[in-house]
Amino acid sequence: MGAAPGTREHDRKMSEKCHETQHYIPSEGEDMITHMSDTLEPSRTLEQLPEPFGSVEVVASLHKVPDGYHVVAQTTDGCDADLWKDAIFKSKVTRYLCFTRKNQDSVVVDMKLIDLRDAMPAGFTPILQTLDTKEPALRKKRLCVKLSPHASAQTALYDIQVISKSKLPHTNYTCIGELNNMGIWYRARDLLPMQQPTPRTSIANKTQTSTARSRLDQKLVARGRTEETGGLDGGPLNENQSSMRAKLLLFVQNSLEAVMGHSLTGGV
C-alpha cells in the first residue's frame, strides 16, 4: 500500500518523483521538452511573444512526439506532468499535453476540460485520441479545443502550464480544470493583425506596362512625323513600306494591350 497523503513517507516519495523528473534527459533527435514557465517574460511586447498555438494535442510518449510539436512534460515546480497516473503510483500509461505553433491558418482561441458525460460546448472539438499512438487521450475528463481562422481571431492561446494543486500560477492565466491533483492553465493574448503580402509582381507589371505604353506613344509620334516628312533614308515611303509599318505598329499595340489586361486581372 502507498503512503497516505500528508505523511512523511508520502512527502518523501513525491520529492523523489520530482527529483527524477527534473533530471530527465531527452534522447538524441528528440524534440525539446518544454517547461513553459521558463519561456515567458512579462516585459515582452506583443511582437516579442511566441507565436500563438496552431493546435493542442495529447501524446502518450515523450519519445515519439511528432515534428513541430513541443511537450509540456513537467509541472511548474519540476514534477512529472503526466495526466494519466494514479496518485503516486507509477503507471506504464502516460499522457502529456503538447502543442505546435505551426499551421497559422487557424489558431487555438479557447480550451475546456469537461466531464465525459457533459455535452460538447458549441464550437469546440474534442481531443479523443493521442496524437502519436491513437489511444484514448484521457480517461476521467475530455479535453476540448476551439479553433478559429487566424485572420478573424482577436485573441489566441500561446502558453500552457500544468501546475501542482498546491501551487499558484503566474498572473493572467486561466484554469480549465484539474487532473490527478494538477491544474491545467493557459494564457491568451491579443493577436497582431495579419500582414497581407504586398502584390509586388502585380505592381511591377503595371509599372512596366505603363513605361512601355509611354515609349510606344513616343515612337508613334516620332514615326508619324517621319511619315509626314519621308522615309528613314530621307526619301518618301512607298506603299509596301507604309503597309508593313502599319501592321507592325498594330501588332505591337495589340500585344501591349493584352499584357496590360493580363496584369490588371491578376493573371486570371
Protein backbone atom coordinates (compact mmCIF):
# COMPACT_ATOMS: atom_id res chain seq x y z
CA MET A 1 0.00 0.00 0.00
CA GLY A 2 1.16 3.53 -0.69
CA ALA A 3 1.78 6.10 1.98
CA ALA A 4 -1.16 8.24 2.97
CA PRO A 5 -1.15 11.87 1.77
CA GLY A 6 0.30 14.25 4.36
CA THR A 7 2.67 11.69 5.92
CA ARG A 8 6.46 11.90 5.79
CA GLU A 9 6.61 8.79 3.61
CA HIS A 10 4.21 10.37 1.11
CA ASP A 11 6.21 13.61 1.02
CA ARG A 12 9.46 11.67 0.58
CA LYS A 13 8.12 9.72 -2.39
CA MET A 14 6.73 12.84 -4.03
CA SER A 15 10.10 14.56 -3.59
CA GLU A 16 11.88 11.61 -5.18
CA LYS A 17 9.42 11.63 -8.09
CA CYS A 18 10.03 15.34 -8.70
CA HIS A 19 13.78 14.79 -8.46
CA GLU A 20 13.65 12.03 -11.08
CA THR A 21 11.64 14.19 -13.47
CA GLN A 22 14.00 17.16 -13.14
CA HIS A 23 16.86 15.00 -14.37
CA TYR A 24 15.07 13.76 -17.48
CA ILE A 25 17.46 13.96 -20.45
CA PRO A 26 15.96 13.96 -23.97
CA SER A 27 17.30 11.29 -26.30
CA GLU A 28 19.24 12.24 -29.41
CA GLY A 29 16.97 13.75 -32.06
CA GLU A 30 14.09 14.21 -29.64
CA ASP A 31 12.19 17.48 -29.61
CA MET A 32 12.95 19.83 -26.75
CA ILE A 33 10.71 19.04 -23.79
CA THR A 34 9.07 22.29 -22.87
CA HIS A 35 8.72 23.79 -19.41
CA MET A 36 6.59 26.69 -20.42
CA SER A 37 7.12 28.93 -17.40
CA ASP A 38 10.74 29.36 -18.48
CA THR A 39 9.79 30.75 -21.89
CA LEU A 40 7.76 33.79 -20.87
CA GLU A 41 8.78 37.23 -19.73
CA PRO A 42 6.07 39.69 -18.61
CA SER A 43 8.08 42.60 -20.01
CA ARG A 44 7.90 41.32 -23.58
CA THR A 45 5.92 43.27 -26.16
CA LEU A 46 3.37 41.57 -28.44
CA GLU A 47 5.94 41.44 -31.23
CA GLN A 48 8.41 39.59 -28.95
CA LEU A 49 6.00 37.00 -27.56
CA PRO A 50 5.87 33.47 -29.05
CA GLU A 51 3.51 32.70 -31.90
CA PRO A 52 0.03 31.51 -30.83
CA PHE A 53 -0.87 27.83 -30.80
CA GLY A 54 -1.97 26.31 -34.07
CA SER A 55 -3.00 23.09 -32.34
CA VAL A 56 -3.10 21.47 -28.88
CA GLU A 57 -2.97 17.67 -28.60
CA VAL A 58 -2.20 14.80 -26.21
CA VAL A 59 0.67 12.33 -26.66
CA ALA A 60 1.37 9.01 -24.96
CA SER A 61 5.17 9.08 -25.12
CA LEU A 62 7.82 11.71 -24.62
CA HIS A 63 9.96 9.92 -27.18
CA LYS A 64 7.51 9.85 -30.12
CA VAL A 65 6.50 13.46 -30.38
CA PRO A 66 5.63 14.43 -33.98
CA ASP A 67 7.84 17.00 -35.68
CA GLY A 68 6.93 20.57 -34.88
CA TYR A 69 5.26 19.71 -31.56
CA HIS A 70 6.51 20.50 -28.06
CA VAL A 71 5.50 18.64 -24.91
CA VAL A 72 4.56 20.03 -21.50
CA ALA A 73 6.50 17.34 -19.66
CA GLN A 74 6.87 19.00 -16.26
CA THR A 75 4.81 21.00 -13.84
CA THR A 76 5.99 24.47 -12.93
CA ASP A 77 7.73 23.07 -9.85
CA GLY A 78 9.57 20.39 -11.82
CA CYS A 79 7.37 17.33 -11.23
CA ASP A 80 6.11 14.92 -13.85
CA ALA A 81 3.18 16.45 -15.77
CA ASP A 82 1.67 13.06 -16.66
CA LEU A 83 -2.11 13.48 -16.81
CA TRP A 84 -2.92 9.76 -16.58
CA LYS A 85 -1.17 8.47 -13.44
CA ASP A 86 -3.00 7.35 -10.29
CA ALA A 87 -1.91 9.45 -7.32
CA ILE A 88 1.69 8.47 -6.50
CA PHE A 89 1.58 5.01 -8.09
CA LYS A 90 3.79 4.74 -11.14
CA SER A 91 1.83 3.66 -14.21
CA LYS A 92 3.03 2.34 -17.55
CA VAL A 93 0.41 4.52 -19.23
CA THR A 94 1.30 8.18 -19.60
CA ARG A 95 -0.34 11.19 -21.20
CA TYR A 96 1.14 14.63 -21.82
CA LEU A 97 -0.15 17.82 -23.35
CA CYS A 98 1.63 19.02 -26.46
CA PHE A 99 1.24 21.94 -28.83
CA THR A 100 2.53 23.37 -32.08
CA ARG A 101 2.92 26.96 -33.23
CA LYS A 102 2.73 25.94 -36.88
CA ASN A 103 -0.41 25.83 -39.05
CA GLN A 104 -1.10 29.53 -38.56
CA ASP A 105 -4.09 29.48 -40.91
CA SER A 106 -6.04 28.70 -37.73
CA VAL A 107 -5.23 29.30 -34.05
CA VAL A 108 -6.44 27.92 -30.72
CA VAL A 109 -8.70 30.52 -29.12
CA ASP A 110 -10.07 28.54 -26.15
CA MET A 111 -9.76 25.27 -24.22
CA LYS A 112 -12.07 23.41 -21.85
CA LEU A 113 -11.75 20.31 -19.68
CA ILE A 114 -15.16 18.68 -19.22
CA ASP A 115 -16.57 15.51 -17.68
CA LEU A 116 -17.13 12.59 -20.01
CA ARG A 117 -20.91 12.87 -19.54
CA ASP A 118 -21.05 16.59 -20.28
CA ALA A 119 -22.34 17.89 -23.60
CA MET A 120 -19.75 19.20 -26.01
CA PRO A 121 -19.52 23.01 -25.86
CA ALA A 122 -20.59 24.74 -29.05
CA GLY A 123 -17.73 25.39 -31.44
CA PHE A 124 -15.29 23.08 -29.62
CA THR A 125 -13.60 19.92 -30.89
CA PRO A 126 -12.79 17.03 -28.51
CA ILE A 127 -9.30 15.54 -28.30
CA LEU A 128 -10.28 11.87 -28.23
CA GLN A 129 -7.02 10.14 -29.19
CA THR A 130 -3.32 10.56 -28.58
CA LEU A 131 -1.52 12.13 -31.49
CA ASP A 132 1.26 9.53 -31.58
CA THR A 133 -0.42 6.18 -30.76
CA LYS A 134 -4.14 6.81 -31.44
CA GLU A 135 -5.08 5.59 -27.96
CA PRO A 136 -7.67 7.23 -25.70
CA ALA A 137 -6.38 10.68 -24.81
CA LEU A 138 -7.70 10.96 -21.25
CA ARG A 139 -9.76 8.68 -19.05
CA LYS A 140 -11.52 10.88 -16.49
CA LYS A 141 -12.01 14.05 -18.44
CA ARG A 142 -12.30 15.23 -22.01
CA LEU A 143 -10.08 17.97 -23.38
CA CYS A 144 -11.77 20.26 -25.91
CA VAL A 145 -10.22 22.98 -28.03
CA LYS A 146 -11.75 25.76 -30.08
CA LEU A 147 -10.08 26.84 -33.31
CA SER A 148 -10.65 30.00 -35.30
CA PRO A 149 -9.23 31.31 -38.58
CA HIS A 150 -6.21 33.43 -37.76
CA ALA A 151 -7.49 36.30 -39.88
CA SER A 152 -10.70 36.65 -37.84
CA ALA A 153 -9.41 35.78 -34.35
CA GLN A 154 -8.88 38.61 -31.88
CA THR A 155 -7.16 36.59 -29.14
CA ALA A 156 -5.40 33.21 -29.05
CA LEU A 157 -3.62 30.88 -26.64
CA TYR A 158 0.16 30.99 -26.56
CA ASP A 159 1.12 29.28 -23.28
CA ILE A 160 0.06 26.20 -21.31
CA GLN A 161 1.20 25.25 -17.82
CA VAL A 162 0.48 22.16 -15.75
CA ILE A 163 0.60 23.25 -12.11
CA SER A 164 0.52 21.19 -8.93
CA LYS A 165 -2.69 21.77 -6.99
CA SER A 166 -0.83 23.37 -4.09
CA LYS A 167 1.00 25.87 -6.31
CA LEU A 168 -0.15 29.18 -7.70
CA PRO A 169 0.21 30.14 -11.37
CA HIS A 170 1.60 33.33 -12.80
CA THR A 171 -0.84 36.18 -13.26
CA ASN A 172 -3.17 36.36 -16.27
CA TYR A 173 -3.58 32.57 -16.53
CA THR A 174 -6.93 30.77 -16.76
CA CYS A 175 -7.56 27.34 -15.23
CA ILE A 176 -9.65 24.93 -17.31
CA GLY A 177 -9.78 22.15 -14.69
CA GLU A 178 -7.79 19.57 -12.74
CA LEU A 179 -6.49 16.07 -13.39
CA ASN A 180 -4.54 13.97 -10.88
CA ASN A 181 -4.18 16.88 -8.45
CA MET A 182 -2.74 19.09 -11.17
CA GLY A 183 -4.35 22.10 -12.75
CA ILE A 184 -4.19 22.91 -16.46
CA TRP A 185 -3.76 26.63 -17.04
CA TYR A 186 -3.48 28.63 -20.23
CA ARG A 187 -2.66 32.19 -21.14
CA ALA A 188 -4.14 34.09 -24.08
CA ARG A 189 -3.13 37.34 -25.71
CA ASP A 190 -4.38 39.74 -28.32
CA LEU A 191 -3.33 38.93 -31.86
CA LEU A 192 -1.48 41.33 -34.09
CA PRO A 193 -3.21 41.99 -37.42
CA MET A 194 -2.02 39.62 -40.12
CA GLN A 195 0.18 41.36 -42.65
CA GLN A 196 -1.15 40.95 -46.16
CA PRO A 197 1.57 40.10 -48.71
CA THR A 198 2.40 43.02 -50.96
CA PRO A 199 1.49 42.19 -54.59
CA ARG A 200 4.93 43.18 -55.83
CA THR A 201 4.59 41.23 -59.05
CA SER A 202 1.35 42.98 -59.98
CA ILE A 203 2.80 46.41 -59.15
CA ALA A 204 5.90 45.65 -61.20
CA ASN A 205 3.80 44.51 -64.15
CA LYS A 206 1.70 47.68 -64.04
CA THR A 207 4.82 49.85 -63.84
CA GLN A 208 6.46 48.05 -66.76
CA THR A 209 3.25 48.25 -68.79
CA SER A 210 2.91 51.98 -68.13
CA THR A 211 6.52 52.57 -69.15
CA ALA A 212 6.09 50.51 -72.31
CA ARG A 213 2.90 52.39 -73.19
CA SER A 214 4.72 55.73 -72.78
CA ARG A 215 7.58 54.57 -75.00
CA LEU A 216 5.16 53.29 -77.62
CA ASP A 217 3.32 56.61 -77.67
CA GLN A 218 6.62 58.42 -78.18
CA LYS A 219 7.53 56.10 -81.05
CA LEU A 220 4.14 56.53 -82.65
CA VAL A 221 4.55 60.32 -82.56
CA ALA A 222 8.08 60.10 -83.95
CA ARG A 223 7.02 57.72 -86.71
CA GLY A 224 4.06 59.91 -87.56
CA ARG A 225 6.44 62.80 -88.09
CA THR A 226 8.71 60.58 -90.19
CA GLU A 227 5.82 59.56 -92.42
CA GLU A 228 4.95 63.23 -92.90
CA THR A 229 8.49 64.14 -94.00
CA GLY A 230 9.53 60.91 -95.70
CA GLY A 231 11.24 57.57 -95.07
CA LEU A 232 14.15 56.85 -92.79
CA ASP A 233 16.54 57.27 -95.76
CA GLY A 234 15.17 60.74 -96.42
CA GLY A 235 13.00 59.59 -99.31
CA PRO A 236 9.23 59.18 -99.43
CA LEU A 237 7.62 55.98 -98.08
CA ASN A 238 6.34 53.66 -100.77
CA GLU A 239 3.06 51.75 -100.45
CA ASN A 240 4.65 48.49 -99.22
CA GLN A 241 6.69 50.26 -96.53
CA SER A 242 3.65 52.11 -95.25
CA SER A 243 1.58 48.90 -95.13
CA MET A 244 4.28 46.95 -93.28
CA ARG A 245 4.81 49.79 -90.81
CA ALA A 246 1.08 49.99 -90.09
CA LYS A 247 0.85 46.22 -89.49
CA LEU A 248 3.89 46.29 -87.19
CA LEU A 249 2.51 49.15 -85.12
CA LEU A 250 -0.88 47.42 -84.87
CA PHE A 251 0.77 44.18 -83.70
CA VAL A 252 2.83 45.96 -81.04
CA GLN A 253 -0.18 47.89 -79.79
CA ASN A 254 -2.37 44.75 -79.55
CA SER A 255 0.38 42.85 -77.71
CA LEU A 256 0.82 45.68 -75.24
CA GLU A 257 -2.92 45.88 -74.55
CA ALA A 258 -3.03 42.11 -73.95
CA VAL A 259 -0.20 42.39 -71.41
CA MET A 260 -1.96 45.25 -69.65
CA GLY A 261 -5.22 43.32 -69.44
CA HIS A 262 -3.39 40.27 -68.04
CA SER A 263 -1.66 42.25 -65.27
CA LEU A 264 -4.79 44.17 -64.27
CA THR A 265 -6.80 40.96 -63.81
CA GLY A 266 -4.08 39.33 -61.72
CA GLY A 267 -3.20 36.76 -64.35
CA VAL A 268 -6.67 35.16 -64.36
